[in-house]
């Protein structure tokens, strides 16, 4: 407080200045010394009250802010660790997908080969069956043609024999044959 009074007395030694409105002040920069004293006391009281009353609140707010920031940092590090773990699992799953794809392709190739082999065996069996059936039909056709040929030959032979007999037999021999036939039929 004495320092403030000393500052005020020093300022009082300076000549008075008059401003544009006709007011006089001891300095063109500094106000009156009593204003400095009261203003200084008011400032000190306000600062003390701020420190006493607002200080704990500000301290609590800063602590809460620090705690909130620390929680966010901890949460961020936890999220980062879980994201890295998830990235590892995704990379691993991608590797598993490639392995699964390769397995499925190999399995599909094996099934396709099995189907082809089965189809070839089935086609070979059907082909053998068709050959056997064709050979049987050819043999049956040969036999049928042979039978038809024999029947035609028999018919033609019979017709030729009847003509030959009819042309070579005279009327008397023919009459004799007819009577013998009738006698045979009559006797039976």
C-alpha atoms as a PDB file:
ATOM      1  CA  UNK A   1       0.000   0.000   0.000  1.00  0.00           C
ATOM      2  CA  UNK A   2       2.870   2.301   0.726  1.00  0.00           C
ATOM      3  CA  UNK A   3       4.163   1.634  -2.763  1.00  0.00           C
ATOM      4  CA  UNK A   4       0.938   2.877  -4.202  1.00  0.00           C
ATOM      5  CA  UNK A   5       1.131   6.050  -2.130  1.00  0.00           C
ATOM      6  CA  UNK A   6       4.696   6.652  -3.249  1.00  0.00           C
ATOM      7  CA  UNK A   7       3.607   6.261  -6.887  1.00  0.00           C
ATOM      8  CA  UNK A   8       0.768   8.694  -6.241  1.00  0.00           C
ATOM      9  CA  UNK A   9       3.073  11.307  -4.623  1.00  0.00           C
ATOM     10  CA  UNK A  10       5.484  11.074  -7.555  1.00  0.00           C
ATOM     11  CA  UNK A  11       2.640  11.665  -9.935  1.00  0.00           C
ATOM     12  CA  UNK A  12       1.479  14.648  -7.873  1.00  0.00           C
ATOM     13  CA  UNK A  13       4.809  16.408  -8.447  1.00  0.00           C
ATOM     14  CA  UNK A  14       4.214  16.549 -12.163  1.00  0.00           C
ATOM     15  CA  UNK A  15       2.424  19.578 -13.552  1.00  0.00           C
ATOM     16  CA  UNK A  16      -1.297  19.391 -14.308  1.00  0.00           C
ATOM     17  CA  UNK A  17      -2.494  18.817 -17.839  1.00  0.00           C
ATOM     18  CA  UNK A  18      -5.647  20.150 -19.295  1.00  0.00           C
ATOM     19  CA  UNK A  19      -7.545  18.131 -21.884  1.00  0.00           C
ATOM     20  CA  UNK A  20      -9.785  19.308 -24.726  1.00  0.00           C
ATOM     21  CA  UNK A  21     -12.821  19.568 -22.442  1.00  0.00           C
ATOM     22  CA  UNK A  22     -11.064  21.739 -19.888  1.00  0.00           C
ATOM     23  CA  UNK A  23     -10.500  19.016 -17.291  1.00  0.00           C
ATOM     24  CA  UNK A  24      -7.167  19.003 -15.579  1.00  0.00           C
ATOM     25  CA  UNK A  25      -5.221  15.916 -14.575  1.00  0.00           C
ATOM     26  CA  UNK A  26      -1.813  15.504 -13.047  1.00  0.00           C
ATOM     27  CA  UNK A  27      -0.692  13.425 -16.066  1.00  0.00           C
ATOM     28  CA  UNK A  28      -1.837  12.896 -19.538  1.00  0.00           C
ATOM     29  CA  UNK A  29      -1.515   9.133 -19.023  1.00  0.00           C
ATOM     30  CA  UNK A  30      -2.263   8.450 -15.335  1.00  0.00           C
ATOM     31  CA  UNK A  31      -5.524   9.214 -13.514  1.00  0.00           C
ATOM     32  CA  UNK A  32      -5.795  10.952 -10.123  1.00  0.00           C
ATOM     33  CA  UNK A  33      -3.905   9.280  -7.282  1.00  0.00           C
ATOM     34  CA  UNK A  34      -6.999   8.454  -5.220  1.00  0.00           C
ATOM     35  CA  UNK A  35      -8.483   6.722  -8.306  1.00  0.00           C
ATOM     36  CA  UNK A  36      -5.356   4.620  -8.538  1.00  0.00           C
ATOM     37  CA  UNK A  37      -5.599   3.708  -4.846  1.00  0.00           C
ATOM     38  CA  UNK A  38      -9.296   2.817  -4.939  1.00  0.00           C
ATOM     39  CA  UNK A  39      -8.967   1.092  -8.290  1.00  0.00           C
ATOM     40  CA  UNK A  40      -5.977  -0.884  -7.044  1.00  0.00           C
ATOM     41  CA  UNK A  41      -7.810  -1.903  -3.841  1.00  0.00           C
ATOM     42  CA  UNK A  42     -10.896  -2.903  -5.819  1.00  0.00           C
ATOM     43  CA  UNK A  43      -8.731  -4.954  -8.192  1.00  0.00           C
ATOM     44  CA  UNK A  44      -6.952  -6.681  -5.312  1.00  0.00           C
ATOM     45  CA  UNK A  45     -10.292  -7.516  -3.649  1.00  0.00           C
ATOM     46  CA  UNK A  46     -11.719  -8.880  -6.899  1.00  0.00           C
ATOM     47  CA  UNK A  47      -8.602 -10.973  -7.574  1.00  0.00           C
ATOM     48  CA  UNK A  48      -8.664 -12.359  -3.980  1.00  0.00           C
ATOM     49  CA  UNK A  49     -12.356 -13.193  -4.289  1.00  0.00           C
ATOM     50  CA  UNK A  50     -11.736 -14.814  -7.675  1.00  0.00           C
ATOM     51  CA  UNK A  51      -8.932 -16.899  -6.247  1.00  0.00           C
ATOM     52  CA  UNK A  52     -10.922 -17.855  -3.117  1.00  0.00           C
ATOM     53  CA  UNK A  53     -14.328 -18.458  -4.708  1.00  0.00           C
ATOM     54  CA  UNK A  54     -13.746 -19.184  -8.378  1.00  0.00           C
ATOM     55  CA  UNK A  55     -10.373 -20.904  -7.910  1.00  0.00           C
ATOM     56  CA  UNK A  56     -11.802 -24.235  -6.632  1.00  0.00           C
ATOM     57  CA  UNK A  57     -14.447 -24.225  -9.363  1.00  0.00           C
ATOM     58  CA  UNK A  58     -11.833 -23.521 -12.030  1.00  0.00           C
ATOM     59  CA  UNK A  59      -9.587 -26.189 -10.499  1.00  0.00           C
ATOM     60  CA  UNK A  60     -12.484 -28.687 -10.541  1.00  0.00           C
ATOM     61  CA  UNK A  61     -13.315 -27.766 -14.135  1.00  0.00           C
ATOM     62  CA  UNK A  62      -9.676 -28.213 -15.179  1.00  0.00           C
ATOM     63  CA  UNK A  63      -9.486 -31.559 -13.357  1.00  0.00           C
ATOM     64  CA  UNK A  64     -12.733 -32.684 -14.994  1.00  0.00           C
ATOM     65  CA  UNK A  65     -11.415 -31.543 -18.383  1.00  0.00           C
ATOM     66  CA  UNK A  66      -8.145 -33.416 -17.799  1.00  0.00           C
ATOM     67  CA  UNK A  67     -10.092 -36.511 -16.727  1.00  0.00           C
ATOM     68  CA  UNK A  68     -12.385 -36.271 -19.789  1.00  0.00           C
ATOM     69  CA  UNK A  69      -9.398 -35.884 -22.112  1.00  0.00           C
ATOM     70  CA  UNK A  70      -7.668 -38.843 -20.425  1.00  0.00           C
ATOM     71  CA  UNK A  71     -10.823 -40.950 -20.858  1.00  0.00           C
ATOM     72  CA  UNK A  72     -10.940 -39.981 -24.529  1.00  0.00           C
ATOM     73  CA  UNK A  73      -7.269 -40.893 -24.915  1.00  0.00           C
ATOM     74  CA  UNK A  74      -7.843 -44.236 -23.165  1.00  0.00           C
ATOM     75  CA  UNK A  75     -10.939 -44.864 -25.266  1.00  0.00           C
ATOM     76  CA  UNK A  76      -9.011 -43.966 -28.421  1.00  0.00           C
ATOM     77  CA  UNK A  77      -6.173 -46.334 -27.537  1.00  0.00           C
ATOM     78  CA  UNK A  78      -8.697 -49.104 -26.732  1.00  0.00           C
ATOM     79  CA  UNK A  79     -10.512 -48.437 -30.022  1.00  0.00           C
ATOM     80  CA  UNK A  80      -7.212 -48.452 -31.877  1.00  0.00           C
ATOM     81  CA  UNK A  81      -6.223 -51.769 -30.304  1.00  0.00           C
ATOM     82  CA  UNK A  82      -9.620 -53.310 -31.128  1.00  0.00           C
ATOM     83  CA  UNK A  83      -9.423 -51.943 -34.686  1.00  0.00           C
ATOM     84  CA  UNK A  84      -5.960 -53.453 -35.103  1.00  0.00           C
ATOM     85  CA  UNK A  85      -7.230 -56.781 -33.733  1.00  0.00           C
ATOM     86  CA  UNK A  86     -10.181 -56.626 -36.089  1.00  0.00           C
ATOM     87  CA  UNK A  87      -7.861 -55.796 -38.993  1.00  0.00           C
ATOM     88  CA  UNK A  88      -5.770 -58.842 -38.107  1.00  0.00           C
ATOM     89  CA  UNK A  89      -8.892 -61.015 -37.964  1.00  0.00           C
ATOM     90  CA  UNK A  90     -10.078 -59.605 -41.306  1.00  0.00           C
ATOM     91  CA  UNK A  91      -6.696 -60.301 -42.886  1.00  0.00           C
ATOM     92  CA  UNK A  92      -6.799 -63.777 -41.414  1.00  0.00           C
ATOM     93  CA  UNK A  93     -10.361 -64.278 -42.667  1.00  0.00           C
ATOM     94  CA  UNK A  94      -9.261 -63.064 -46.082  1.00  0.00           C
ATOM     95  CA  UNK A  95      -6.538 -65.693 -46.008  1.00  0.00           C
ATOM     96  CA  UNK A  96      -9.168 -68.206 -44.931  1.00  0.00           C
ATOM     97  CA  UNK A  97     -11.377 -67.057 -47.793  1.00  0.00           C
ATOM     98  CA  UNK A  98      -8.563 -67.666 -50.269  1.00  0.00           C
ATOM     99  CA  UNK A  99      -7.926 -71.090 -48.761  1.00  0.00           C
ATOM    100  CA  UNK A 100     -11.670 -71.857 -48.784  1.00  0.00           C
ATOM    101  CA  UNK A 101     -11.933 -70.694 -52.399  1.00  0.00           C
ATOM    102  CA  UNK A 102      -9.006 -72.937 -53.362  1.00  0.00           C
ATOM    103  CA  UNK A 103     -10.596 -75.855 -51.494  1.00  0.00           C
ATOM    104  CA  UNK A 104     -13.963 -75.300 -53.192  1.00  0.00           C
ATOM    105  CA  UNK A 105     -12.344 -75.067 -56.622  1.00  0.00           C
ATOM    106  CA  UNK A 106     -10.397 -78.268 -55.981  1.00  0.00           C
ATOM    107  CA  UNK A 107     -13.577 -79.974 -54.755  1.00  0.00           C
ATOM    108  CA  UNK A 108     -15.504 -78.787 -57.819  1.00  0.00           C
ATOM    109  CA  UNK A 109     -12.719 -80.038 -60.091  1.00  0.00           C
ATOM    110  CA  UNK A 110     -12.789 -83.432 -58.361  1.00  0.00           C
ATOM    111  CA  UNK A 111     -16.585 -83.621 -58.736  1.00  0.00           C
ATOM    112  CA  UNK A 112     -16.325 -82.648 -62.395  1.00  0.00           C
ATOM    113  CA  UNK A 113     -13.702 -85.360 -62.993  1.00  0.00           C
ATOM    114  CA  UNK A 114     -15.903 -87.898 -61.182  1.00  0.00           C
ATOM    115  CA  UNK A 115     -18.916 -86.881 -63.297  1.00  0.00           C
ATOM    116  CA  UNK A 116     -16.862 -87.140 -66.481  1.00  0.00           C
ATOM    117  CA  UNK A 117     -15.527 -90.574 -65.517  1.00  0.00           C
ATOM    118  CA  UNK A 118     -19.016 -91.746 -64.549  1.00  0.00           C
ATOM    119  CA  UNK A 119     -20.414 -90.387 -67.808  1.00  0.00           C
ATOM    120  CA  UNK A 120     -17.726 -92.146 -69.823  1.00  0.00           C
ATOM    121  CA  UNK A 121     -18.408 -95.453 -68.059  1.00  0.00           C
ATOM    122  CA  UNK A 122     -22.146 -95.051 -68.577  1.00  0.00           C
ATOM    123  CA  UNK A 123     -21.677 -94.127 -72.244  1.00  0.00           C
ATOM    124  CA  UNK A 124     -19.354 -97.114 -72.744  1.00  0.00           C
ATOM    125  CA  UNK A 125     -21.966 -99.398 -71.154  1.00  0.00           C
ATOM    126  CA  UNK A 126     -24.761 -97.934 -73.292  1.00  0.00           C
ATOM    127  CA  UNK A 127     -22.589 -98.249 -76.394  1.00  0.00           C
ATOM    128  CA  UNK A 128     -21.813-101.903 -75.612  1.00  0.00           C
ATOM    129  CA  UNK A 129     -25.519-102.558 -74.993  1.00  0.00           C
ATOM    130  CA  UNK A 130     -26.445-100.865 -78.283  1.00  0.00           C
ATOM    131  CA  UNK A 131     -23.811-102.910 -80.146  1.00  0.00           C
ATOM    132  CA  UNK A 132     -25.133-106.122 -78.613  1.00  0.00           C
ATOM    133  CA  UNK A 133     -28.707-105.168 -79.501  1.00  0.00           C
ATOM    134  CA  UNK A 134     -27.673-104.211 -83.053  1.00  0.00           C
ATOM    135  CA  UNK A 135     -25.830-107.499 -83.517  1.00  0.00           C
ATOM    136  CA  UNK A 136     -28.888-109.390 -82.220  1.00  0.00           C
ATOM    137  CA  UNK A 137     -31.145-107.443 -84.592  1.00  0.00           C
ATOM    138  CA  UNK A 138     -28.768-108.146 -87.487  1.00  0.00           C
ATOM    139  CA  UNK A 139     -28.750-111.852 -86.635  1.00  0.00           C
ATOM    140  CA  UNK A 140     -32.557-111.868 -86.312  1.00  0.00           C
ATOM    141  CA  UNK A 141     -32.796-110.056 -89.643  1.00  0.00           C
ATOM    142  CA  UNK A 142     -30.491-112.633 -91.251  1.00  0.00           C
ATOM    143  CA  UNK A 143     -32.619-115.472 -89.907  1.00  0.00           C
ATOM    144  CA  UNK A 144     -35.848-113.770 -90.996  1.00  0.00           C
ATOM    145  CA  UNK A 145     -34.471-113.162 -94.491  1.00  0.00           C
ATOM    146  CA  UNK A 146     -33.225-116.722 -94.661  1.00  0.00           C
ATOM    147  CA  UNK A 147     -36.685-117.977 -93.642  1.00  0.00           C
ATOM    148  CA  UNK A 148     -38.383-115.666 -96.141  1.00  0.00           C
ATOM    149  CA  UNK A 149     -35.941-116.744 -98.842  1.00  0.00           C
ATOM    150  CA  UNK A 150     -36.615-120.433 -98.081  1.00  0.00           C
ATOM    151  CA  UNK A 151     -40.376-119.784 -98.160  1.00  0.00           C
ATOM    152  CA  UNK A 152     -40.080-117.939-101.459  1.00  0.00           C
ATOM    153  CA  UNK A 153     -37.858-120.671-102.871  1.00  0.00           C
ATOM    154  CA  UNK A 154     -40.367-123.298-101.683  1.00  0.00           C
ATOM    155  CA  UNK A 155     -43.257-121.412-103.234  1.00  0.00           C
ATOM    156  CA  UNK A 156     -41.387-120.870-106.459  1.00  0.00           C
ATOM    157  CA  UNK A 157     -40.243-124.516-106.458  1.00  0.00           C
ATOM    158  CA  UNK A 158     -43.770-125.697-105.849  1.00  0.00           C
ATOM    159  CA  UNK A 159     -45.086-123.493-108.620  1.00  0.00           C
ATOM    160  CA  UNK A 160     -42.293-124.579-110.931  1.00  0.00           C
ATOM    161  CA  UNK A 161     -42.861-128.219-109.984  1.00  0.00           C
ATOM    162  CA  UNK A 162     -46.601-127.903-110.592  1.00  0.00           C
ATOM    163  CA  UNK A 163     -45.943-126.374-113.993  1.00  0.00           C
ATOM    164  CA  UNK A 164     -43.294-128.884-114.802  1.00  0.00           C
ATOM    165  CA  UNK A 165     -45.541-131.720-113.739  1.00  0.00           C
ATOM    166  CA  UNK A 166     -48.512-130.161-115.505  1.00  0.00           C
ATOM    167  CA  UNK A 167     -46.529-129.738-118.695  1.00  0.00           C
ATOM    168  CA  UNK A 168     -44.876-133.154-118.566  1.00  0.00           C
ATOM    169  CA  UNK A 169     -47.940-135.169-117.605  1.00  0.00           C
ATOM    170  CA  UNK A 170     -50.329-136.089-120.268  1.00  0.00           C
ATOM    171  CA  UNK A 171     -54.076-136.300-119.815  1.00  0.00           C
ATOM    172  CA  UNK A 172     -54.206-140.014-119.105  1.00  0.00           C
ATOM    173  CA  UNK A 173     -51.525-139.870-116.418  1.00  0.00           C
ATOM    174  CA  UNK A 174     -53.213-136.917-114.845  1.00  0.00           C
ATOM    175  CA  UNK A 175     -56.560-138.760-114.803  1.00  0.00           C
ATOM    176  CA  UNK A 176     -54.850-141.726-113.157  1.00  0.00           C
ATOM    177  CA  UNK A 177     -53.314-139.524-110.423  1.00  0.00           C
ATOM    178  CA  UNK A 178     -56.642-137.880-109.622  1.00  0.00           C
ATOM    179  CA  UNK A 179     -58.372-141.243-109.233  1.00  0.00           C
ATOM    180  CA  UNK A 180     -55.579-142.555-106.977  1.00  0.00           C
ATOM    181  CA  UNK A 181     -55.889-139.421-104.825  1.00  0.00           C
ATOM    182  CA  UNK A 182     -59.640-139.799-104.523  1.00  0.00           C
ATOM    183  CA  UNK A 183     -59.273-143.465-103.641  1.00  0.00           C
ATOM    184  CA  UNK A 184     -56.775-142.620-100.955  1.00  0.00           C
ATOM    185  CA  UNK A 185     -58.985-139.949 -99.493  1.00  0.00           C
ATOM    186  CA  UNK A 186     -62.012-142.162 -99.678  1.00  0.00           C
ATOM    187  CA  UNK A 187     -60.184-145.024 -97.923  1.00  0.00           C
ATOM    188  CA  UNK A 188     -59.117-142.846 -95.056  1.00  0.00           C
END
